[in-house]
Protein backbone atom coordinates (compact mmCIF):
# COMPACT_ATOMS: atom_id res chain seq x y z
CA MET A 1 0.00 0.00 0.00
CA ASN A 2 1.35 3.47 -0.86
CA ASP A 3 0.24 7.03 -0.20
CA SER A 4 -1.09 7.61 -3.72
CA THR A 5 -3.30 4.52 -3.56
CA PHE A 6 -4.61 5.60 -0.17
CA GLU A 7 -5.32 9.18 -1.25
CA ALA A 8 -7.04 8.01 -4.43
CA SER A 9 -9.28 5.81 -2.31
CA VAL A 10 -10.22 8.74 -0.05
CA ARG A 11 -10.76 11.11 -2.96
CA GLU A 12 -13.04 8.67 -4.73
CA GLY A 13 -14.95 7.68 -1.62
CA TYR A 14 -15.54 11.20 -0.29
CA ALA A 15 -16.01 13.18 -3.53
CA PHE A 16 -19.62 14.35 -3.24
CA GLU A 17 -21.62 16.79 -5.29
CA GLY A 18 -23.70 19.32 -3.43
CA GLU A 19 -23.31 20.80 0.02
CA THR A 20 -21.13 18.93 2.53
CA LEU A 21 -19.87 19.22 6.10
CA LEU A 22 -16.11 19.04 6.63
CA LEU A 23 -14.97 16.46 9.17
CA GLY A 24 -11.20 16.66 8.65
CA ALA A 25 -8.16 15.23 6.88
CA PRO A 26 -7.33 11.53 6.33
CA LEU A 27 -4.69 9.88 8.50
CA LEU A 28 -2.49 6.93 7.63
CA ASP A 29 -0.07 5.59 10.24
CA GLY A 30 -0.86 8.59 12.39
CA LYS A 31 0.03 11.22 9.77
CA VAL A 32 -2.07 13.36 7.44
CA ARG A 33 -1.65 11.99 3.91
CA GLY A 34 -2.43 13.90 0.74
CA GLU A 35 -4.84 16.75 0.10
CA ALA A 36 -8.10 14.80 0.14
CA ARG A 37 -10.68 15.77 2.78
CA VAL A 38 -13.20 13.70 4.70
CA ARG A 39 -16.71 15.10 4.32
CA VAL A 40 -20.31 14.08 4.87
CA PRO A 41 -23.11 15.11 2.45
CA ILE A 42 -25.69 17.30 4.17
CA ALA A 43 -28.40 15.47 2.22
CA MET A 44 -27.42 12.28 4.05
CA MET A 45 -27.63 13.76 7.54
CA ASN A 46 -31.19 12.50 7.89
CA ARG A 47 -29.88 8.92 7.47
CA HIS A 48 -28.96 9.04 11.17
CA GLY A 49 -25.58 8.48 12.72
CA LEU A 50 -23.40 7.53 15.66
CA ILE A 51 -20.65 9.45 17.45
CA ALA A 52 -18.87 7.10 19.83
CA GLY A 53 -15.64 6.77 21.80
CA ALA A 54 -14.12 6.50 25.23
CA THR A 55 -14.41 9.36 27.71
CA GLY A 56 -12.09 12.24 26.85
CA THR A 57 -11.49 11.30 23.21
CA GLY A 58 -13.41 14.23 21.68
CA LYS A 59 -17.03 13.13 21.15
CA THR A 60 -18.46 16.40 22.46
CA ARG A 61 -16.24 18.47 20.18
CA THR A 62 -17.27 16.37 17.18
CA LEU A 63 -20.91 17.07 18.07
CA GLN A 64 -20.05 20.77 18.38
CA LEU A 65 -18.25 20.72 15.01
CA LEU A 66 -21.24 19.19 13.22
CA ALA A 67 -23.81 21.37 15.00
CA GLY A 68 -21.98 24.56 14.08
CA GLN A 69 -21.63 23.63 10.42
CA LEU A 70 -25.26 22.53 10.19
CA SER A 71 -26.34 25.88 11.61
CA VAL A 72 -24.27 27.75 9.00
CA ALA A 73 -25.94 25.63 6.31
CA GLY A 74 -29.38 26.72 7.56
CA VAL A 75 -30.24 23.42 9.30
CA PRO A 76 -31.75 23.72 12.81
CA VAL A 77 -30.20 21.50 15.48
CA PHE A 78 -31.45 20.07 18.78
CA LEU A 79 -28.93 18.75 21.28
CA ALA A 80 -28.73 17.79 24.93
CA ASP A 81 -26.05 19.54 26.96
CA ILE A 82 -25.52 17.05 29.78
CA LYS A 83 -22.54 18.66 31.49
CA GLY A 84 -23.15 22.28 30.49
CA ASP A 85 -20.08 22.45 28.25
CA LEU A 86 -21.86 23.06 24.91
CA SER A 87 -23.08 26.56 25.71
CA GLY A 88 -19.91 27.78 23.97
CA LEU A 89 -21.73 27.24 20.66
CA ALA A 90 -23.22 30.68 21.28
CA ALA A 91 -19.82 32.42 21.25
CA PRO A 92 -17.00 32.58 18.67
CA GLY A 93 -14.02 30.36 19.35
CA VAL A 94 -10.65 31.56 20.59
CA SER A 95 -7.54 30.44 18.75
CA ASN A 96 -4.53 28.93 20.48
CA ALA A 97 -1.37 27.09 19.46
CA LYS A 98 -3.01 23.64 19.38
CA ILE A 99 -5.94 24.84 17.27
CA GLU A 100 -3.64 26.60 14.82
CA GLU A 101 -1.43 23.52 14.55
CA ARG A 102 -4.42 21.29 13.82
CA CYS A 103 -5.81 23.67 11.22
CA ARG A 104 -2.45 23.84 9.47
CA ALA A 105 -2.26 20.04 9.39
CA ILE A 106 -5.74 19.83 7.85
CA GLY A 107 -5.06 22.74 5.51
CA ILE A 108 -7.86 25.05 6.62
CA PRO A 109 -7.95 28.48 8.29
CA PHE A 110 -9.43 28.86 11.77
CA ILE A 111 -12.37 31.28 11.49
CA PRO A 112 -14.07 31.93 14.85
CA ALA A 113 -17.87 31.93 14.58
CA ALA A 114 -20.87 31.66 16.89
CA SER A 115 -24.21 29.96 16.29
CA PRO A 116 -27.65 31.31 17.25
CA VAL A 117 -28.55 29.24 20.33
CA GLU A 118 -31.76 28.87 22.33
CA PHE A 119 -31.18 27.53 25.83
CA VAL A 120 -34.05 25.46 27.25
CA SER A 121 -34.42 23.47 30.44
CA LEU A 122 -36.79 20.92 31.95
CA THR A 123 -36.75 22.70 35.32
CA GLY A 124 -36.37 26.30 34.12
CA GLU A 125 -33.19 26.79 36.16
CA SER A 126 -30.74 27.09 33.28
CA GLY A 127 -32.94 27.90 30.30
CA THR A 128 -36.44 28.62 29.06
CA PRO A 129 -38.72 26.12 30.81
CA ILE A 130 -40.23 23.55 28.47
CA ARG A 131 -43.04 21.26 29.51
CA ALA A 132 -45.11 18.29 28.42
CA THR A 133 -48.42 17.18 29.83
CA VAL A 134 -48.67 13.87 31.64
CA SER A 135 -51.37 12.87 29.14
CA SER A 136 -49.14 13.36 26.09
CA PHE A 137 -46.25 11.55 27.77
CA GLY A 138 -48.43 8.46 28.13
CA PRO A 139 -47.99 5.49 30.50
CA LEU A 140 -45.11 3.76 28.71
CA LEU A 141 -42.82 6.79 28.68
CA LEU A 142 -43.92 7.87 32.15
CA ALA A 143 -43.27 4.37 33.51
CA ARG A 144 -39.76 4.67 32.12
CA ALA A 145 -39.24 8.01 33.88
CA LEU A 146 -40.64 6.60 37.14
CA ASP A 147 -38.60 3.38 36.87
CA LEU A 148 -41.66 1.13 37.22
CA ASN A 149 -41.82 -2.63 36.88
CA ASP A 150 -44.30 -4.40 34.58
CA THR A 151 -47.04 -4.66 37.21
CA GLN A 152 -46.77 -1.02 38.19
CA GLN A 153 -46.74 -0.01 34.53
CA SER A 154 -49.94 -1.96 33.86
CA VAL A 155 -51.67 -0.14 36.74
CA LEU A 156 -50.48 3.18 35.36
CA ALA A 157 -51.89 2.25 31.94
CA LEU A 158 -55.20 1.43 33.63
CA VAL A 159 -55.33 4.91 35.18
CA PHE A 160 -54.69 6.52 31.79
CA LYS A 161 -57.42 4.38 30.21
CA PHE A 162 -59.88 5.38 32.94
CA CYS A 163 -59.10 9.08 32.54
CA ASP A 164 -59.29 8.87 28.74
CA ASP A 165 -62.72 7.32 28.83
CA ARG A 166 -63.99 9.82 31.42
CA GLY A 167 -62.60 12.85 29.60
CA LEU A 168 -60.33 13.69 32.55
CA LEU A 169 -57.24 15.69 31.60
CA LEU A 170 -53.92 14.57 33.08
CA LEU A 171 -51.87 17.73 32.70
CA ASP A 172 -49.45 17.63 35.62
CA LEU A 173 -48.36 15.23 38.35
CA SER A 174 -51.01 16.52 40.76
CA ASP A 175 -53.66 15.33 38.29
CA LEU A 176 -52.14 11.87 38.20
CA ARG A 177 -51.90 11.76 41.98
CA ALA A 178 -55.54 12.83 42.31
CA ALA A 179 -56.66 10.10 39.87
CA LEU A 180 -54.72 7.42 41.77
CA GLN A 181 -56.16 8.52 45.10
CA TYR A 182 -59.68 8.69 43.71
CA LEU A 183 -59.49 5.19 42.21
CA THR A 184 -58.40 3.69 45.52
CA GLY A 185 -61.05 5.65 47.44
CA ASP A 186 -64.45 6.92 46.35
CA GLY A 187 -63.96 5.84 42.75
CA ALA A 188 -62.87 2.25 43.37
CA THR A 189 -66.23 0.90 42.19
CA GLU A 190 -65.81 2.67 38.85
CA LEU A 191 -63.00 0.28 37.98
CA ALA A 192 -65.35 -2.67 37.64
CA GLU A 193 -65.22 -2.55 33.84
CA PHE A 194 -61.42 -2.21 33.83
CA GLY A 195 -60.37 -4.59 36.61
CA GLY A 196 -59.06 -3.64 40.02
CA MET A 197 -55.69 -2.46 41.22
CA SER A 198 -53.78 -3.11 44.39
CA LYS A 199 -53.58 -0.36 46.99
CA ALA A 200 -49.99 -1.43 47.66
CA THR A 201 -49.08 -0.86 44.00
CA VAL A 202 -50.82 2.50 44.02
CA GLY A 203 -48.84 3.37 47.15
CA VAL A 204 -45.62 2.65 45.29
CA LEU A 205 -46.75 4.83 42.38
CA LEU A 206 -47.57 7.71 44.71
CA ARG A 207 -44.16 7.47 46.36
CA LYS A 208 -42.46 7.40 42.95
CA ILE A 209 -44.37 10.53 41.96
CA VAL A 210 -43.27 12.32 45.14
CA GLU A 211 -39.67 11.27 44.42
CA LEU A 212 -39.92 12.61 40.88
CA GLU A 213 -41.40 15.89 42.11
CA SER A 214 -38.61 16.30 44.65
CA GLN A 215 -36.11 16.19 41.79
CA GLY A 216 -37.77 19.05 39.93
CA ALA A 217 -40.08 17.13 37.57
CA ASP A 218 -43.14 18.93 38.93
CA ARG A 219 -41.89 21.97 37.00
CA PHE A 220 -41.63 19.94 33.79
CA PHE A 221 -45.08 18.35 33.63
CA GLY A 222 -47.79 20.87 32.83
CA GLU A 223 -48.72 23.62 30.41
CA PRO A 224 -48.00 25.40 28.13
CA GLU A 225 -46.76 22.28 26.39
CA PHE A 226 -43.71 22.71 24.18
CA GLU A 227 -44.51 22.71 20.48
CA VAL A 228 -42.00 21.06 18.19
CA GLU A 229 -42.20 23.63 15.40
CA ASP A 230 -40.25 25.91 17.75
CA LEU A 231 -37.25 23.64 17.10
CA ILE A 232 -37.37 24.25 13.35
CA ARG A 233 -36.37 27.87 12.94
CA THR A 234 -33.66 29.99 11.36
CA ASP A 235 -32.43 33.42 12.36
CA ALA A 236 -32.54 36.58 10.26
CA SER A 237 -29.29 35.64 8.51
CA GLY A 238 -30.58 32.20 7.53
CA LYS A 239 -28.56 30.23 10.10
CA GLY A 240 -30.29 27.26 11.68
CA ILE A 241 -31.08 27.86 15.35
CA VAL A 242 -29.42 25.44 17.76
CA THR A 243 -31.72 24.48 20.64
CA ALA A 244 -29.60 23.34 23.59
CA LEU A 245 -31.39 21.41 26.32
CA GLU A 246 -29.42 22.30 29.46
CA LEU A 247 -29.35 19.29 31.77
CA SER A 248 -26.59 19.98 34.28
CA ASP A 249 -29.27 20.28 37.00
CA LEU A 250 -30.80 16.88 36.12
CA GLN A 251 -27.71 14.67 35.86
CA GLU A 252 -29.04 12.57 38.74
CA ARG A 253 -32.30 11.86 36.88
CA PRO A 254 -31.16 10.43 33.53
CA ALA A 255 -34.35 8.43 32.95
CA LEU A 256 -36.40 11.64 32.97
CA PHE A 257 -34.40 13.63 30.44
CA SER A 258 -33.69 10.68 28.14
CA THR A 259 -37.39 9.80 28.13
CA PHE A 260 -38.31 13.43 27.45
CA MET A 261 -36.03 13.42 24.41
CA MET A 262 -37.78 10.30 23.15
CA TRP A 263 -41.14 12.02 23.65
CA LEU A 264 -39.84 14.98 21.67
CA LEU A 265 -38.65 12.72 18.86
CA ALA A 266 -42.02 10.95 18.73
CA SER A 267 -43.77 14.35 18.67
CA LEU A 268 -41.62 15.39 15.70
CA TYR A 269 -42.69 12.24 13.89
CA ARG A 270 -46.35 12.92 14.65
CA GLU A 271 -46.41 16.63 13.77
CA LEU A 272 -44.16 16.93 10.73
CA PRO A 273 -45.39 16.08 7.22
CA GLU A 274 -43.84 13.41 5.04
CA VAL A 275 -41.16 15.00 2.87
CA GLY A 276 -39.04 12.13 1.53
CA ASP A 277 -35.46 12.94 0.54
CA LEU A 278 -34.48 16.60 0.86
CA ASP A 279 -31.35 18.51 -0.13
CA LYS A 280 -30.83 19.12 3.58
CA PRO A 281 -32.65 17.90 6.72
CA LYS A 282 -35.33 19.97 8.43
CA LEU A 283 -33.69 19.21 11.78
CA VAL A 284 -30.80 17.18 13.14
CA PHE A 285 -31.31 15.74 16.62
CA PHE A 286 -28.24 14.82 18.72
CA PHE A 287 -29.03 12.29 21.47
CA ASP A 288 -26.09 12.59 23.89
CA GLU A 289 -25.44 9.91 26.55
CA ALA A 290 -27.63 7.63 24.43
CA HIS A 291 -26.95 4.59 26.63
CA LEU A 292 -29.20 6.18 29.28
CA LEU A 293 -32.19 5.75 26.97
CA PHE A 294 -31.61 2.03 26.45
CA GLU A 295 -30.27 1.01 29.88
CA ASP A 296 -32.66 -1.49 31.55
CA ALA A 297 -35.38 -0.60 29.05
CA SER A 298 -38.26 -3.01 28.45
CA LYS A 299 -38.64 -4.82 25.14
CA PRO A 300 -41.84 -2.92 24.18
CA PHE A 301 -40.08 0.38 24.86
CA LEU A 302 -37.07 -0.60 22.74
CA ASN A 303 -39.35 -1.75 19.92
CA GLN A 304 -41.08 1.63 19.85
CA VAL A 305 -37.78 3.53 19.96
CA GLU A 306 -36.66 1.55 16.91
CA GLN A 307 -39.93 2.31 15.13
CA VAL A 308 -39.74 6.06 15.80
CA VAL A 309 -36.09 6.26 14.67
CA ARG A 310 -36.90 4.32 11.51
CA LEU A 311 -39.94 6.41 10.60
CA VAL A 312 -38.78 9.91 11.53
CA ARG A 313 -36.24 9.94 8.67
CA SER A 314 -39.08 10.39 6.19
CA LYS A 315 -40.06 13.57 8.05
CA GLY A 316 -36.67 15.11 7.26
CA VAL A 317 -35.22 14.58 10.75
CA GLY A 318 -31.78 13.10 11.30
CA VAL A 319 -30.90 11.48 14.63
CA PHE A 320 -27.35 11.06 15.93
CA PHE A 321 -26.70 8.94 19.00
CA VAL A 322 -23.66 9.95 21.07
CA THR A 323 -22.28 7.31 23.42
CA GLN A 324 -19.14 5.34 24.33
CA THR A 325 -19.43 2.21 22.19
CA PRO A 326 -21.83 1.00 19.48
CA LYS A 327 -22.88 -1.84 21.78
CA ASP A 328 -24.68 0.78 23.93
CA VAL A 329 -27.24 1.02 21.12
CA PRO A 330 -29.55 -1.95 20.35
CA ALA A 331 -28.66 -3.79 17.16
CA ASP A 332 -31.94 -2.93 15.40
CA VAL A 333 -31.36 0.78 16.03
CA LEU A 334 -27.65 0.59 15.24
CA ALA A 335 -28.44 -0.91 11.84
CA GLN A 336 -30.17 2.36 10.90
CA LEU A 337 -27.16 4.57 11.68
CA GLY A 338 -25.38 5.04 8.37
CA ASN A 339 -22.96 7.81 9.41
CA ARG A 340 -20.31 6.73 11.94
CA VAL A 341 -17.63 8.75 13.73
CA GLN A 342 -15.82 6.39 16.09
CA HIS A 343 -13.27 7.93 18.43
CA ALA A 344 -10.63 5.93 20.28
CA LEU A 345 -11.44 2.94 22.46
CA ARG A 346 -9.28 1.53 25.21
CA ALA A 347 -8.68 -2.18 25.82
CA PHE A 348 -7.55 -2.47 29.43
CA THR A 349 -9.88 -5.32 30.49
CA PRO A 350 -11.46 -8.42 28.90
CA ASP A 351 -14.74 -6.50 28.66
CA ASP A 352 -12.92 -3.71 26.84
CA GLU A 353 -11.46 -6.26 24.42
CA ARG A 354 -14.90 -7.65 23.63
CA ALA A 355 -16.29 -4.15 23.12
CA LEU A 356 -13.38 -3.35 20.81
CA ARG A 357 -13.97 -6.42 18.64
CA ALA A 358 -17.72 -5.76 18.54
CA THR A 359 -17.11 -2.16 17.48
CA ALA A 360 -14.64 -3.17 14.74
CA ASN A 361 -17.20 -5.59 13.35
CA THR A 362 -19.72 -2.78 12.81
CA PHE A 363 -17.45 -1.11 10.22
CA PRO A 364 -16.97 -2.08 6.57
CA ARG A 365 -13.76 -4.00 5.87
CA SER A 366 -10.76 -1.83 5.01
CA ASP A 367 -7.77 -2.38 2.71
CA HIS A 368 -5.80 0.28 4.56
CA TYR A 369 -6.48 -0.25 8.27
CA ASP A 370 -6.36 -2.92 10.91
CA ILE A 371 -9.47 -1.47 12.53
CA PRO A 372 -9.08 -2.91 16.07
CA LYS A 373 -5.47 -1.75 16.20
CA THR A 374 -6.33 1.67 14.78
CA LEU A 375 -9.14 2.19 17.29
CA THR A 376 -6.75 1.80 20.21
CA SER A 377 -4.08 4.07 18.70
CA LEU A 378 -6.23 7.10 17.82
CA GLY A 379 -5.41 10.33 19.65
CA ILE A 380 -7.74 12.98 21.05
CA GLY A 381 -9.74 14.55 18.23
CA GLU A 382 -9.09 11.66 15.86
CA ALA A 383 -11.66 9.13 14.71
CA ILE A 384 -12.47 6.37 12.27
CA VAL A 385 -15.14 7.61 9.88
CA THR A 386 -17.53 6.11 7.38
CA VAL A 387 -20.59 7.96 6.05
CA LEU A 388 -23.29 7.35 3.49
CA SER A 389 -22.73 8.61 -0.05
CA PRO A 390 -25.65 10.23 -1.93
CA ARG A 391 -26.24 6.79 -3.49
CA GLY A 392 -26.82 5.40 0.00
CA THR A 393 -23.65 3.28 0.01
CA PRO A 394 -21.09 3.41 2.84
CA THR A 395 -17.84 5.21 2.07
CA PRO A 396 -14.45 3.58 2.75
CA VAL A 397 -13.32 3.59 6.37
CA VAL A 398 -10.76 6.33 6.96
CA ALA A 399 -8.95 7.45 10.10
CA THR A 400 -9.46 11.20 10.33
CA LEU A 401 -7.86 14.16 12.05
CA LEU A 402 -11.00 16.09 12.93
CA ALA A 403 -11.30 19.83 12.43
CA PRO A 404 -11.81 21.99 15.53
CA PRO A 405 -15.22 23.63 16.00
CA SER A 406 -15.27 27.33 15.17
CA SER A 407 -17.25 28.17 18.33
CA LEU A 408 -15.97 28.45 21.88
CA MET A 409 -14.90 25.11 23.37
CA THR A 410 -15.59 26.21 26.96
CA PRO A 411 -18.93 27.21 28.52
CA ILE A 412 -20.06 30.82 28.34
CA PRO A 413 -20.39 32.59 31.74
CA PRO A 414 -23.64 31.77 33.62
CA ALA A 415 -24.65 35.44 33.67
CA GLU A 416 -24.39 35.63 29.89
CA LEU A 417 -26.42 32.45 29.50
CA GLN A 418 -29.18 33.80 31.74
CA ALA A 419 -29.22 37.10 29.83
CA ARG A 420 -29.67 35.21 26.57
CA VAL A 421 -32.51 33.18 28.09
CA ALA A 422 -34.30 36.31 29.33
CA ALA A 423 -34.08 37.90 25.88
CA SER A 424 -35.37 34.82 24.05
CA PRO A 425 -38.80 35.00 22.35
CA LEU A 426 -39.42 31.45 23.57
CA HIS A 427 -39.01 32.59 27.17
CA ALA A 428 -41.84 35.08 26.74
CA GLU A 429 -44.05 32.29 25.40
CA TYR A 430 -43.25 29.42 27.76
CA ALA A 431 -42.09 30.96 31.05
CA LYS A 432 -45.55 31.54 32.52
CA VAL A 433 -47.35 28.42 33.78
CA ILE A 434 -50.92 27.79 32.64
CA ASP A 435 -53.09 26.00 35.22
CA ARG A 436 -56.49 25.19 33.78
CA GLU A 437 -59.18 22.86 35.04
CA SER A 438 -58.09 19.25 34.79
CA ALA A 439 -58.49 15.89 36.54
CA ARG A 440 -57.51 17.17 40.00
CA GLU A 441 -60.11 19.94 40.09
CA VAL A 442 -62.85 17.76 38.58
CA LEU A 443 -62.26 14.87 40.98
CA GLU A 444 -62.04 17.18 44.00
CA ALA A 445 -65.34 18.77 42.97
CA LYS A 446 -66.90 15.33 42.54
CA ALA A 447 -65.71 14.27 45.98
CA ARG A 448 -67.42 17.36 47.44
CA GLY A 449 -70.60 16.52 45.53
CA ASP A 450 -70.23 19.66 43.41
CA GLU A 451 -71.66 18.79 39.98
CA GLY A 452 -70.59 22.11 38.47
CA GLY A 453 -66.95 21.15 38.57
CA ALA A 454 -67.37 18.61 35.77
CA GLU A 455 -69.48 20.64 33.33
CA ASP A 456 -66.64 21.71 31.06
CA VAL A 457 -64.48 18.57 31.09
CA GLU A 458 -65.11 17.72 27.46
CA SER A 459 -64.58 21.27 26.16
CA ALA A 460 -61.47 21.70 28.32
CA SER A 461 -59.70 18.99 26.38
CA ALA A 462 -59.32 21.37 23.43
CA GLY A 463 -57.71 24.01 25.66
CA PRO A 464 -56.25 27.40 24.81
CA ALA A 465 -53.47 26.05 22.60
CA ALA A 466 -54.91 27.46 19.37
CA ALA A 467 -55.48 30.91 20.85
CA ARG A 468 -52.03 30.92 22.41
CA ARG A 469 -50.46 30.06 19.07
CA LYS A 470 -52.64 32.39 16.98
CA GLY A 471 -50.61 34.13 14.34
CA LYS A 472 -47.78 31.62 14.49
CA SER A 473 -47.20 29.45 11.45
CA ALA A 474 -47.68 25.70 11.78
CA PRO A 475 -46.08 22.85 9.87
CA ALA A 476 -47.51 22.06 6.46
CA ASP A 477 -50.28 19.49 6.33
CA GLY A 478 -49.28 15.94 5.50
CA PRO A 479 -51.02 12.56 5.37
CA ASP A 480 -50.88 12.25 9.17
CA VAL A 481 -54.29 11.17 10.58
CA ALA A 482 -54.27 13.92 13.22
CA GLN A 483 -53.68 16.57 10.57
CA GLN A 484 -56.47 15.25 8.35
CA ILE A 485 -58.89 15.35 11.27
CA GLY A 486 -57.62 18.83 12.13
CA LYS A 487 -58.46 20.19 8.68
CA ALA A 488 -62.00 18.90 9.03
CA LEU A 489 -62.71 19.64 12.68
CA GLY A 490 -60.26 22.30 13.89
CA SER A 491 -56.73 22.44 15.21
CA PRO A 492 -57.45 22.09 18.97
CA LEU A 493 -59.14 18.77 18.41
CA ALA A 494 -56.35 17.69 16.05
CA ARG A 495 -53.87 18.39 18.83
CA THR A 496 -55.83 16.15 21.22
CA VAL A 497 -56.01 13.32 18.67
CA GLY A 498 -52.37 13.80 17.71
CA ARG A 499 -51.33 13.45 21.35
CA GLU A 500 -53.13 10.13 21.50
CA LEU A 501 -51.29 8.99 18.35
CA VAL A 502 -47.92 9.76 19.92
CA ARG A 503 -48.94 7.65 22.88
CA GLY A 504 -49.95 4.96 20.40
CA LEU A 505 -46.37 4.89 19.14
CA PHE A 506 -45.35 3.68 22.57
CA GLY A 507 -47.64 0.70 22.89
CA VAL A 508 -50.71 2.40 24.34
CA LEU A 509 -54.21 2.93 22.98
CA GLY A 510 -54.47 4.57 19.58
CA VAL A 511 -57.21 7.19 19.68
CA SER A 512 -58.89 7.01 23.08
CA THR A 513 -62.48 5.90 23.53
CA SER A 514 -63.54 9.36 24.72
CA THR A 515 -61.95 11.00 21.66
CA ARG A 516 -63.70 8.53 19.33
CA ARG A 517 -67.02 9.39 20.96
CA ARG A 518 -66.44 13.09 20.29
CA LEU A 519 -65.44 12.44 16.67
CA TRP A 520 -67.90 9.82 15.58
């Protein structure tokens, strides 16, 4: 093998027409060889991908590199900032000797640049508060966040079924608590048609809810519910807006934030129209610490994750999982990830050796690399790369010296972050909590014998969402069932039906009985 053969292979494999993102320069035996560059076609960014590698090898900077370039190309980005070190996307980078040396090796100038960033948070402490209703989360996702076993999950599903059929809105955790207490007290006889539930199991559920509330989740569940079209925006200059979910205050509750991200992904699938293959994605979604989503997950949950990931591509959404090794991602999901950036792995233990071999086997065979050996010899900011060509075929595996991101690689000061949050148009829309009549108020009124409390249950299900969003553009209509119903019967009702369809993606009822009664 000689340098000219190697460079010809890289040139042929990574010569794409159309807009591309620069990853870096090809390495052979640890040195940059030739003038070829390793790129990924923007049109293939909705074919999903994986960024993997051991701690400290540069995964976060690779994410930052891709996010910044996508923004420049006019593609909105959503990412989770687990440790708070991605806020630097909002500020231009600062050059230093190492950055300049890397840029010289790759043959590119270092041009500092910032991206337009929206900072959001599940608790509201480090960003604009974003919320989801308990009802739209559904029992399968909520059971994941509460860490329930199968029996407890089945009881939770029973409560959702009861509330659906009675037209009771589960908006926040107090509504769910009220429903549980009612069904083990005055309303126990109303479960005859559904089957009973153990008071001991309900007691466990109530304690789990209190635990979740104590960790800040009471600020997440409620209204106004976050609307996914707010992720798909560009600024005045045409740059895609990067929405950074700040999670440094929820590191001890990984099941909650990973489940929220899955809810968000399912909502994107439900709300966006079918678009097929585009010149560039509508949104690229980076799922950091992806192993937290799959750890100890039930088979039904994993099946639905696979289904959402498979189907959301046709809506123009690309999903990148960021984790330590490919084995952190289930095989059926991994098979859908055509773009791979694999940073270094270490092989200190027998388990590490097995992970190394398993990782090497997920890459196409190479004429130029011993992949297991290369994976253990990569330095910081180096990776083995293979992406999908516009024909949908994998490119040759190439070790790559990755380009540095053009934005700041350290967090911005907390005061600056908070100032940006306060000035955000999303903050004006989502900061104020809406507390309308829901299951808690209706059931409390019923317990008092006050019939007036239940008069508006059916009409309340439509809610003020349409009025709140008046004047704001919505996604184009597609063949989605909720959107077809919405055109015929009005957007508030479509939102209610659409919420049920998202829950249906996760193994629950399709359209609830109460909704069917209102429609037909």
